[in-house]
């Protein structure tokens, strides 16, 4: 099954919901970065949250999520947009620990329990919207839940899950976001809270093979969910040799000339997709000529 995201309403429009399968997308990130299991879970959860948050945007709007905890994994960076395209990387991809006391990958230990979760929205205006909250858990689902409550004042529940095979590949990944809209009745809130408190962990639901639609129906009740639309989700990086060439140009003539004299070439690697771009001496000289012109 190819990855996809669903947008839905529930309880007569009083609940907004998103759910997504990201198994292939997280799998591609795992392959590109050669992440070990705990790092895969942390990056995969962040990418899963990021792509759902991107789905809340419109047009050409974009979002960047930064998880900067005090754990050994280092910062996690995720970019996504309104089209279901997402990319991400973790600073220390070869991070792994023994399972925690619940028999799960110890994401909290990798991420840390202190630091910041920052969301930067590029809405096509002069200034970006930036919201930043303290990391409250390190498990990430709870941290994104807290972000929505504290930074956007939207009562929200975020569930994120990543399952890793013994050979480090991704068995399953996905998640949900449930948001309560103004005017929702207390009785409805109680129903949802009860469902969430007794439901299986999202990773187990994903392991059972639930689709994004079925995941929302499990939480909200099949009779209450109205699916609005579906959108494919992919790992997508917009890097290119031209973009990195422009960055090299920004270094200035003197620094580029130093590259030529020391190495006779230059190479650049994208943090997000690990693609490598090589620049020959002739190409560097051409960039210098462009600076002079």
C-alpha atoms as a PDB file:
ATOM      1  CA  UNK A   1       0.000   0.000   0.000  1.00  0.00           C
ATOM      2  CA  UNK A   2       1.378   3.371  -0.993  1.00  0.00           C
ATOM      3  CA  UNK A   3       1.535   5.997   1.746  1.00  0.00           C
ATOM      4  CA  UNK A   4      -1.375   8.394   1.973  1.00  0.00           C
ATOM      5  CA  UNK A   5      -3.090  10.837   4.326  1.00  0.00           C
ATOM      6  CA  UNK A   6      -6.772  11.350   5.036  1.00  0.00           C
ATOM      7  CA  UNK A   7      -8.502  14.501   6.251  1.00  0.00           C
ATOM      8  CA  UNK A   8     -11.785  14.053   8.083  1.00  0.00           C
ATOM      9  CA  UNK A   9     -14.443  15.611  10.264  1.00  0.00           C
ATOM     10  CA  UNK A  10     -16.333  13.889  13.043  1.00  0.00           C
ATOM     11  CA  UNK A  11     -19.233  14.507  15.390  1.00  0.00           C
ATOM     12  CA  UNK A  12     -21.007  16.886  12.982  1.00  0.00           C
ATOM     13  CA  UNK A  13     -17.922  18.974  12.285  1.00  0.00           C
ATOM     14  CA  UNK A  14     -16.958  19.528  15.913  1.00  0.00           C
ATOM     15  CA  UNK A  15     -13.819  17.399  15.504  1.00  0.00           C
ATOM     16  CA  UNK A  16     -11.112  17.817  12.855  1.00  0.00           C
ATOM     17  CA  UNK A  17      -8.972  14.761  12.221  1.00  0.00           C
ATOM     18  CA  UNK A  18      -5.949  13.667  10.206  1.00  0.00           C
ATOM     19  CA  UNK A  19      -4.467  10.217   9.822  1.00  0.00           C
ATOM     20  CA  UNK A  20      -1.595   8.942   7.729  1.00  0.00           C
ATOM     21  CA  UNK A  21       0.376   5.895   6.701  1.00  0.00           C
ATOM     22  CA  UNK A  22       4.070   6.785   6.305  1.00  0.00           C
ATOM     23  CA  UNK A  23       5.697   3.345   6.090  1.00  0.00           C
ATOM     24  CA  UNK A  24       7.347   3.823   2.681  1.00  0.00           C
ATOM     25  CA  UNK A  25       8.227   7.462   3.367  1.00  0.00           C
ATOM     26  CA  UNK A  26       9.953   6.719   6.664  1.00  0.00           C
ATOM     27  CA  UNK A  27      11.512   3.671   5.024  1.00  0.00           C
ATOM     28  CA  UNK A  28      13.129   5.842   2.384  1.00  0.00           C
ATOM     29  CA  UNK A  29      14.495   8.185   5.056  1.00  0.00           C
ATOM     30  CA  UNK A  30      15.870   5.156   6.927  1.00  0.00           C
ATOM     31  CA  UNK A  31      17.637   3.921   3.802  1.00  0.00           C
ATOM     32  CA  UNK A  32      19.046   7.305   2.827  1.00  0.00           C
ATOM     33  CA  UNK A  33      20.381   8.044   6.323  1.00  0.00           C
ATOM     34  CA  UNK A  34      21.086   4.456   7.396  1.00  0.00           C
ATOM     35  CA  UNK A  35      19.366   5.138  10.704  1.00  0.00           C
ATOM     36  CA  UNK A  36      19.467   2.619  13.522  1.00  0.00           C
ATOM     37  CA  UNK A  37      16.146   1.576  15.144  1.00  0.00           C
ATOM     38  CA  UNK A  38      15.797   4.196  17.891  1.00  0.00           C
ATOM     39  CA  UNK A  39      16.855   6.979  15.530  1.00  0.00           C
ATOM     40  CA  UNK A  40      14.423   5.605  12.919  1.00  0.00           C
ATOM     41  CA  UNK A  41      11.573   5.801  15.428  1.00  0.00           C
ATOM     42  CA  UNK A  42      12.421   9.374  16.435  1.00  0.00           C
ATOM     43  CA  UNK A  43      12.836  10.591  12.864  1.00  0.00           C
ATOM     44  CA  UNK A  44       9.806   8.632  11.661  1.00  0.00           C
ATOM     45  CA  UNK A  45       7.539   9.995  14.376  1.00  0.00           C
ATOM     46  CA  UNK A  46       8.706  13.544  13.617  1.00  0.00           C
ATOM     47  CA  UNK A  47       8.174  13.117   9.862  1.00  0.00           C
ATOM     48  CA  UNK A  48       4.730  11.607  10.465  1.00  0.00           C
ATOM     49  CA  UNK A  49       3.701  14.582  12.602  1.00  0.00           C
ATOM     50  CA  UNK A  50       5.275  16.990  10.136  1.00  0.00           C
ATOM     51  CA  UNK A  51       3.419  15.674   7.102  1.00  0.00           C
ATOM     52  CA  UNK A  52       0.073  15.894   8.929  1.00  0.00           C
ATOM     53  CA  UNK A  53       0.860  19.461  10.006  1.00  0.00           C
ATOM     54  CA  UNK A  54       1.784  20.255   6.406  1.00  0.00           C
ATOM     55  CA  UNK A  55      -1.642  18.983   5.344  1.00  0.00           C
ATOM     56  CA  UNK A  56      -3.162  21.759   7.454  1.00  0.00           C
ATOM     57  CA  UNK A  57      -1.589  24.345   5.130  1.00  0.00           C
ATOM     58  CA  UNK A  58      -2.748  25.644   1.744  1.00  0.00           C
ATOM     59  CA  UNK A  59      -1.216  26.296  -1.668  1.00  0.00           C
ATOM     60  CA  UNK A  60       2.548  26.726  -1.623  1.00  0.00           C
ATOM     61  CA  UNK A  61       2.793  27.093   2.164  1.00  0.00           C
ATOM     62  CA  UNK A  62       5.555  25.125   3.901  1.00  0.00           C
ATOM     63  CA  UNK A  63       6.439  24.114   7.432  1.00  0.00           C
ATOM     64  CA  UNK A  64       9.662  23.226   9.227  1.00  0.00           C
ATOM     65  CA  UNK A  65       9.670  21.253  12.466  1.00  0.00           C
ATOM     66  CA  UNK A  66      12.746  21.272  14.716  1.00  0.00           C
ATOM     67  CA  UNK A  67      13.087  18.935  17.689  1.00  0.00           C
ATOM     68  CA  UNK A  68      16.100  20.054  19.701  1.00  0.00           C
ATOM     69  CA  UNK A  69      16.349  17.981  22.861  1.00  0.00           C
ATOM     70  CA  UNK A  70      19.224  17.300  25.246  1.00  0.00           C
ATOM     71  CA  UNK A  71      19.497  13.645  24.229  1.00  0.00           C
ATOM     72  CA  UNK A  72      22.342  12.060  22.254  1.00  0.00           C
ATOM     73  CA  UNK A  73      20.421  11.939  18.974  1.00  0.00           C
ATOM     74  CA  UNK A  74      20.835  15.697  18.467  1.00  0.00           C
ATOM     75  CA  UNK A  75      18.424  17.928  16.516  1.00  0.00           C
ATOM     76  CA  UNK A  76      15.761  16.432  14.237  1.00  0.00           C
ATOM     77  CA  UNK A  77      14.688  18.596  11.279  1.00  0.00           C
ATOM     78  CA  UNK A  78      11.603  17.979   9.128  1.00  0.00           C
ATOM     79  CA  UNK A  79      10.275  19.968   6.169  1.00  0.00           C
ATOM     80  CA  UNK A  80       6.810  19.408   4.697  1.00  0.00           C
ATOM     81  CA  UNK A  81       4.179  21.168   2.616  1.00  0.00           C
ATOM     82  CA  UNK A  82       0.483  21.081   1.789  1.00  0.00           C
ATOM     83  CA  UNK A  83       0.999  18.500  -0.987  1.00  0.00           C
ATOM     84  CA  UNK A  84       2.025  15.557   1.189  1.00  0.00           C
ATOM     85  CA  UNK A  85       5.725  15.983   0.431  1.00  0.00           C
ATOM     86  CA  UNK A  86       8.066  15.600   3.390  1.00  0.00           C
ATOM     87  CA  UNK A  87      11.776  15.233   4.069  1.00  0.00           C
ATOM     88  CA  UNK A  88      13.785  14.983   7.266  1.00  0.00           C
ATOM     89  CA  UNK A  89      17.043  14.101   8.937  1.00  0.00           C
ATOM     90  CA  UNK A  90      18.430  13.436  12.387  1.00  0.00           C
ATOM     91  CA  UNK A  91      21.837  14.666  13.464  1.00  0.00           C
ATOM     92  CA  UNK A  92      23.070  11.327  14.870  1.00  0.00           C
ATOM     93  CA  UNK A  93      21.392   8.647  12.718  1.00  0.00           C
ATOM     94  CA  UNK A  94      23.351   5.772  14.247  1.00  0.00           C
ATOM     95  CA  UNK A  95      21.717   6.115  17.661  1.00  0.00           C
ATOM     96  CA  UNK A  96      20.153   3.086  19.329  1.00  0.00           C
ATOM     97  CA  UNK A  97      19.389   1.811  22.842  1.00  0.00           C
ATOM     98  CA  UNK A  98      17.878  -1.262  24.416  1.00  0.00           C
ATOM     99  CA  UNK A  99      14.071  -1.317  24.577  1.00  0.00           C
ATOM    100  CA  UNK A 100      12.526   0.693  27.416  1.00  0.00           C
ATOM    101  CA  UNK A 101      10.539  -0.707  30.353  1.00  0.00           C
ATOM    102  CA  UNK A 102       7.439  -0.942  28.117  1.00  0.00           C
ATOM    103  CA  UNK A 103       9.271  -3.039  25.523  1.00  0.00           C
ATOM    104  CA  UNK A 104       9.369  -0.157  23.038  1.00  0.00           C
ATOM    105  CA  UNK A 105      12.141   1.720  21.283  1.00  0.00           C
ATOM    106  CA  UNK A 106      13.503   4.248  23.774  1.00  0.00           C
ATOM    107  CA  UNK A 107      12.811   7.458  21.854  1.00  0.00           C
ATOM    108  CA  UNK A 108      12.626   9.496  25.068  1.00  0.00           C
ATOM    109  CA  UNK A 109      16.221   8.565  25.949  1.00  0.00           C
ATOM    110  CA  UNK A 110      17.415   9.417  22.450  1.00  0.00           C
ATOM    111  CA  UNK A 111      15.601  12.767  22.170  1.00  0.00           C
ATOM    112  CA  UNK A 112      15.934  13.876  25.787  1.00  0.00           C
ATOM    113  CA  UNK A 113      13.379  15.391  28.126  1.00  0.00           C
ATOM    114  CA  UNK A 114      14.593  18.987  27.995  1.00  0.00           C
ATOM    115  CA  UNK A 115      14.863  21.310  25.022  1.00  0.00           C
ATOM    116  CA  UNK A 116      12.549  22.892  22.462  1.00  0.00           C
ATOM    117  CA  UNK A 117      10.053  21.846  19.821  1.00  0.00           C
ATOM    118  CA  UNK A 118       9.867  24.622  17.233  1.00  0.00           C
ATOM    119  CA  UNK A 119       7.490  24.949  14.285  1.00  0.00           C
ATOM    120  CA  UNK A 120       8.221  27.494  11.554  1.00  0.00           C
ATOM    121  CA  UNK A 121       5.479  28.166   9.002  1.00  0.00           C
ATOM    122  CA  UNK A 122       6.279  29.816   5.676  1.00  0.00           C
ATOM    123  CA  UNK A 123       2.906  31.155   4.588  1.00  0.00           C
ATOM    124  CA  UNK A 124       4.262  33.148   1.648  1.00  0.00           C
ATOM    125  CA  UNK A 125       4.371  36.410   3.596  1.00  0.00           C
ATOM    126  CA  UNK A 126       7.313  38.598   4.507  1.00  0.00           C
ATOM    127  CA  UNK A 127       7.633  37.151   8.012  1.00  0.00           C
ATOM    128  CA  UNK A 128       7.453  33.521   9.074  1.00  0.00           C
ATOM    129  CA  UNK A 129       5.168  32.303  11.866  1.00  0.00           C
ATOM    130  CA  UNK A 130       7.258  30.642  14.571  1.00  0.00           C
ATOM    131  CA  UNK A 131       5.940  28.755  17.568  1.00  0.00           C
ATOM    132  CA  UNK A 132       8.206  27.173  20.145  1.00  0.00           C
ATOM    133  CA  UNK A 133       7.404  25.107  23.234  1.00  0.00           C
ATOM    134  CA  UNK A 134       9.461  23.137  25.766  1.00  0.00           C
ATOM    135  CA  UNK A 135       9.863  19.410  25.233  1.00  0.00           C
ATOM    136  CA  UNK A 136       7.629  17.826  27.871  1.00  0.00           C
ATOM    137  CA  UNK A 137       8.136  14.124  27.223  1.00  0.00           C
ATOM    138  CA  UNK A 138      10.683  13.246  24.563  1.00  0.00           C
ATOM    139  CA  UNK A 139       8.313  10.577  23.217  1.00  0.00           C
ATOM    140  CA  UNK A 140       7.233  13.184  20.604  1.00  0.00           C
ATOM    141  CA  UNK A 141       3.509  12.344  20.450  1.00  0.00           C
ATOM    142  CA  UNK A 142       2.978  14.106  23.775  1.00  0.00           C
ATOM    143  CA  UNK A 143       5.303  16.908  22.704  1.00  0.00           C
ATOM    144  CA  UNK A 144       3.336  17.677  19.537  1.00  0.00           C
ATOM    145  CA  UNK A 145       0.120  17.459  21.569  1.00  0.00           C
ATOM    146  CA  UNK A 146       1.522  20.075  23.936  1.00  0.00           C
ATOM    147  CA  UNK A 147       2.645  22.259  21.016  1.00  0.00           C
ATOM    148  CA  UNK A 148      -0.904  22.527  19.669  1.00  0.00           C
ATOM    149  CA  UNK A 149      -2.332  23.300  23.108  1.00  0.00           C
ATOM    150  CA  UNK A 150       0.291  25.856  24.122  1.00  0.00           C
ATOM    151  CA  UNK A 151       1.263  27.507  20.829  1.00  0.00           C
ATOM    152  CA  UNK A 152      -1.916  27.289  18.761  1.00  0.00           C
ATOM    153  CA  UNK A 153      -4.472  26.988  21.573  1.00  0.00           C
ATOM    154  CA  UNK A 154      -6.171  23.988  19.943  1.00  0.00           C
ATOM    155  CA  UNK A 155      -7.070  21.012  22.175  1.00  0.00           C
ATOM    156  CA  UNK A 156      -5.354  18.195  20.301  1.00  0.00           C
ATOM    157  CA  UNK A 157      -4.302  14.578  20.638  1.00  0.00           C
ATOM    158  CA  UNK A 158      -1.361  13.343  18.554  1.00  0.00           C
ATOM    159  CA  UNK A 159      -0.532   9.653  18.139  1.00  0.00           C
ATOM    160  CA  UNK A 160       2.650   8.559  16.346  1.00  0.00           C
ATOM    161  CA  UNK A 161       4.054   5.087  15.763  1.00  0.00           C
ATOM    162  CA  UNK A 162       7.027   3.490  13.994  1.00  0.00           C
ATOM    163  CA  UNK A 163       7.818  -0.234  13.958  1.00  0.00           C
ATOM    164  CA  UNK A 164      11.293  -1.391  12.894  1.00  0.00           C
ATOM    165  CA  UNK A 165      12.245  -4.795  11.492  1.00  0.00           C
ATOM    166  CA  UNK A 166      15.248  -6.760  12.847  1.00  0.00           C
ATOM    167  CA  UNK A 167      17.229  -5.753   9.736  1.00  0.00           C
ATOM    168  CA  UNK A 168      16.610  -2.031  10.536  1.00  0.00           C
ATOM    169  CA  UNK A 169      14.089  -1.533   7.718  1.00  0.00           C
ATOM    170  CA  UNK A 170      10.695  -0.005   8.528  1.00  0.00           C
ATOM    171  CA  UNK A 171       7.858  -2.460   9.150  1.00  0.00           C
ATOM    172  CA  UNK A 172       5.127   0.154   9.617  1.00  0.00           C
ATOM    173  CA  UNK A 173       4.757   3.864  10.394  1.00  0.00           C
ATOM    174  CA  UNK A 174       1.855   6.254  10.752  1.00  0.00           C
ATOM    175  CA  UNK A 175      -0.205   8.340  13.121  1.00  0.00           C
ATOM    176  CA  UNK A 176      -3.175  10.592  13.774  1.00  0.00           C
ATOM    177  CA  UNK A 177      -4.067  14.096  14.917  1.00  0.00           C
ATOM    178  CA  UNK A 178      -7.464  14.716  16.559  1.00  0.00           C
ATOM    179  CA  UNK A 179      -8.486  18.350  17.177  1.00  0.00           C
ATOM    180  CA  UNK A 180     -11.500  19.674  19.059  1.00  0.00           C
ATOM    181  CA  UNK A 181     -13.299  22.634  17.493  1.00  0.00           C
ATOM    182  CA  UNK A 182     -15.037  25.483  19.357  1.00  0.00           C
ATOM    183  CA  UNK A 183     -18.547  24.653  20.505  1.00  0.00           C
ATOM    184  CA  UNK A 184     -17.964  20.943  20.995  1.00  0.00           C
ATOM    185  CA  UNK A 185     -20.135  19.469  23.721  1.00  0.00           C
ATOM    186  CA  UNK A 186     -18.665  18.133  26.960  1.00  0.00           C
ATOM    187  CA  UNK A 187     -20.323  14.769  26.369  1.00  0.00           C
ATOM    188  CA  UNK A 188     -18.524  14.409  23.034  1.00  0.00           C
ATOM    189  CA  UNK A 189     -15.208  15.340  24.629  1.00  0.00           C
ATOM    190  CA  UNK A 190     -15.758  12.662  27.262  1.00  0.00           C
ATOM    191  CA  UNK A 191     -16.433  10.027  24.584  1.00  0.00           C
ATOM    192  CA  UNK A 192     -13.217  10.906  22.731  1.00  0.00           C
ATOM    193  CA  UNK A 193     -11.137  11.052  25.903  1.00  0.00           C
ATOM    194  CA  UNK A 194     -12.405   7.625  26.937  1.00  0.00           C
ATOM    195  CA  UNK A 195     -11.628   6.172  23.510  1.00  0.00           C
ATOM    196  CA  UNK A 196      -8.102   7.592  23.568  1.00  0.00           C
ATOM    197  CA  UNK A 197      -7.402   6.392  27.103  1.00  0.00           C
ATOM    198  CA  UNK A 198      -8.388   2.783  26.357  1.00  0.00           C
ATOM    199  CA  UNK A 199      -7.185   2.424  22.761  1.00  0.00           C
ATOM    200  CA  UNK A 200      -4.171   0.307  21.862  1.00  0.00           C
ATOM    201  CA  UNK A 201      -0.879   2.126  21.181  1.00  0.00           C
ATOM    202  CA  UNK A 202      -0.867   3.510  17.651  1.00  0.00           C
ATOM    203  CA  UNK A 203       2.094   1.302  16.751  1.00  0.00           C
ATOM    204  CA  UNK A 204       0.018  -1.800  17.546  1.00  0.00           C
ATOM    205  CA  UNK A 205      -2.897  -0.533  15.460  1.00  0.00           C
ATOM    206  CA  UNK A 206      -0.516   0.053  12.570  1.00  0.00           C
ATOM    207  CA  UNK A 207       0.952  -3.435  13.076  1.00  0.00           C
ATOM    208  CA  UNK A 208      -2.566  -4.836  12.776  1.00  0.00           C
ATOM    209  CA  UNK A 209      -2.688  -3.282   9.319  1.00  0.00           C
ATOM    210  CA  UNK A 210      -5.267  -0.566   9.980  1.00  0.00           C
ATOM    211  CA  UNK A 211      -5.600   1.969   7.164  1.00  0.00           C
ATOM    212  CA  UNK A 212      -5.671   5.704   7.946  1.00  0.00           C
ATOM    213  CA  UNK A 213      -9.462   5.620   7.613  1.00  0.00           C
ATOM    214  CA  UNK A 214      -9.748   2.647   9.983  1.00  0.00           C
ATOM    215  CA  UNK A 215      -7.398   4.316  12.462  1.00  0.00           C
ATOM    216  CA  UNK A 216      -9.756   7.293  12.750  1.00  0.00           C
ATOM    217  CA  UNK A 217     -12.791   5.011  12.930  1.00  0.00           C
ATOM    218  CA  UNK A 218     -11.125   3.072  15.754  1.00  0.00           C
ATOM    219  CA  UNK A 219     -10.686   6.304  17.737  1.00  0.00           C
ATOM    220  CA  UNK A 220     -13.849   8.230  16.860  1.00  0.00           C
ATOM    221  CA  UNK A 221     -16.323   5.500  15.939  1.00  0.00           C
ATOM    222  CA  UNK A 222     -17.140   4.385  12.405  1.00  0.00           C
ATOM    223  CA  UNK A 223     -20.524   6.074  12.491  1.00  0.00           C
ATOM    224  CA  UNK A 224     -19.040   9.447  13.467  1.00  0.00           C
ATOM    225  CA  UNK A 225     -16.252   9.892  10.884  1.00  0.00           C
ATOM    226  CA  UNK A 226     -16.733  11.772   7.607  1.00  0.00           C
ATOM    227  CA  UNK A 227     -13.717  11.404   5.287  1.00  0.00           C
ATOM    228  CA  UNK A 228     -13.153  14.644   3.365  1.00  0.00           C
ATOM    229  CA  UNK A 229     -10.277  13.682   1.082  1.00  0.00           C
ATOM    230  CA  UNK A 230      -7.149  11.594   0.606  1.00  0.00           C
ATOM    231  CA  UNK A 231      -3.675  12.703  -0.447  1.00  0.00           C
ATOM    232  CA  UNK A 232      -0.565  10.706  -1.420  1.00  0.00           C
ATOM    233  CA  UNK A 233       2.452  11.103   0.871  1.00  0.00           C
ATOM    234  CA  UNK A 234       6.048  10.874  -0.366  1.00  0.00           C
ATOM    235  CA  UNK A 235       9.616  11.539   0.698  1.00  0.00           C
ATOM    236  CA  UNK A 236      10.536  14.477  -1.514  1.00  0.00           C
ATOM    237  CA  UNK A 237      13.636  16.687  -1.512  1.00  0.00           C
ATOM    238  CA  UNK A 238      13.875  19.848  -3.596  1.00  0.00           C
ATOM    239  CA  UNK A 239      17.672  20.045  -3.526  1.00  0.00           C
ATOM    240  CA  UNK A 240      19.553  20.365  -6.823  1.00  0.00           C
ATOM    241  CA  UNK A 241      23.013  21.065  -8.190  1.00  0.00           C
ATOM    242  CA  UNK A 242      21.811  24.552  -9.156  1.00  0.00           C
ATOM    243  CA  UNK A 243      20.674  25.317  -5.601  1.00  0.00           C
ATOM    244  CA  UNK A 244      23.994  24.235  -4.113  1.00  0.00           C
ATOM    245  CA  UNK A 245      25.797  26.161  -6.843  1.00  0.00           C
ATOM    246  CA  UNK A 246      23.992  29.293  -5.728  1.00  0.00           C
ATOM    247  CA  UNK A 247      25.091  28.571  -2.147  1.00  0.00           C
ATOM    248  CA  UNK A 248      28.704  28.196  -3.291  1.00  0.00           C
ATOM    249  CA  UNK A 249      28.403  31.504  -5.130  1.00  0.00           C
ATOM    250  CA  UNK A 250      27.325  33.067  -1.847  1.00  0.00           C
ATOM    251  CA  UNK A 251      30.685  32.114  -0.318  1.00  0.00           C
ATOM    252  CA  UNK A 252      32.390  34.744  -2.445  1.00  0.00           C
ATOM    253  CA  UNK A 253      35.229  34.770  -4.950  1.00  0.00           C
ATOM    254  CA  UNK A 254      38.098  34.423  -2.465  1.00  0.00           C
ATOM    255  CA  UNK A 255      36.739  31.299  -0.770  1.00  0.00           C
ATOM    256  CA  UNK A 256      35.894  29.629  -4.082  1.00  0.00           C
ATOM    257  CA  UNK A 257      39.399  30.390  -5.380  1.00  0.00           C
ATOM    258  CA  UNK A 258      40.771  28.757  -2.228  1.00  0.00           C
ATOM    259  CA  UNK A 259      38.752  25.611  -3.003  1.00  0.00           C
ATOM    260  CA  UNK A 260      40.302  25.502  -6.476  1.00  0.00           C
ATOM    261  CA  UNK A 261      43.844  25.960  -5.188  1.00  0.00           C
ATOM    262  CA  UNK A 262      43.511  23.423  -2.356  1.00  0.00           C
ATOM    263  CA  UNK A 263      41.376  20.669  -3.892  1.00  0.00           C
ATOM    264  CA  UNK A 264      40.812  21.555  -7.537  1.00  0.00           C
ATOM    265  CA  UNK A 265      37.110  20.797  -7.004  1.00  0.00           C
ATOM    266  CA  UNK A 266      34.251  20.987  -4.480  1.00  0.00           C
ATOM    267  CA  UNK A 267      31.501  18.705  -3.304  1.00  0.00           C
ATOM    268  CA  UNK A 268      28.315  19.340  -1.383  1.00  0.00           C
ATOM    269  CA  UNK A 269      25.900  16.926   0.271  1.00  0.00           C
ATOM    270  CA  UNK A 270      22.251  17.511   1.093  1.00  0.00           C
ATOM    271  CA  UNK A 271      21.463  16.904   4.781  1.00  0.00           C
ATOM    272  CA  UNK A 272      17.909  15.816   3.946  1.00  0.00           C
ATOM    273  CA  UNK A 273      18.381  13.254   1.158  1.00  0.00           C
ATOM    274  CA  UNK A 274      22.165  12.633   1.324  1.00  0.00           C
ATOM    275  CA  UNK A 275      22.519  13.338  -2.408  1.00  0.00           C
ATOM    276  CA  UNK A 276      26.085  14.351  -3.303  1.00  0.00           C
ATOM    277  CA  UNK A 277      26.887  17.077  -5.842  1.00  0.00           C
ATOM    278  CA  UNK A 278      30.358  17.474  -7.382  1.00  0.00           C
ATOM    279  CA  UNK A 279      31.768  20.672  -8.885  1.00  0.00           C
ATOM    280  CA  UNK A 280      34.815  20.495 -11.121  1.00  0.00           C
ATOM    281  CA  UNK A 281      37.485  23.180 -11.296  1.00  0.00           C
ATOM    282  CA  UNK A 282      35.907  24.420 -14.530  1.00  0.00           C
ATOM    283  CA  UNK A 283      32.504  24.717 -12.859  1.00  0.00           C
ATOM    284  CA  UNK A 284      33.985  26.610  -9.906  1.00  0.00           C
ATOM    285  CA  UNK A 285      35.814  28.958 -12.265  1.00  0.00           C
ATOM    286  CA  UNK A 286      32.538  29.501 -14.087  1.00  0.00           C
ATOM    287  CA  UNK A 287      30.892  30.463 -10.781  1.00  0.00           C
ATOM    288  CA  UNK A 288      33.710  32.985 -10.152  1.00  0.00           C
ATOM    289  CA  UNK A 289      33.169  34.420 -13.640  1.00  0.00           C
ATOM    290  CA  UNK A 290      29.481  34.795 -12.822  1.00  0.00           C
ATOM    291  CA  UNK A 291      30.320  36.650  -9.605  1.00  0.00           C
ATOM    292  CA  UNK A 292      32.570  39.044 -11.531  1.00  0.00           C
ATOM    293  CA  UNK A 293      30.057  39.678 -14.289  1.00  0.00           C
END
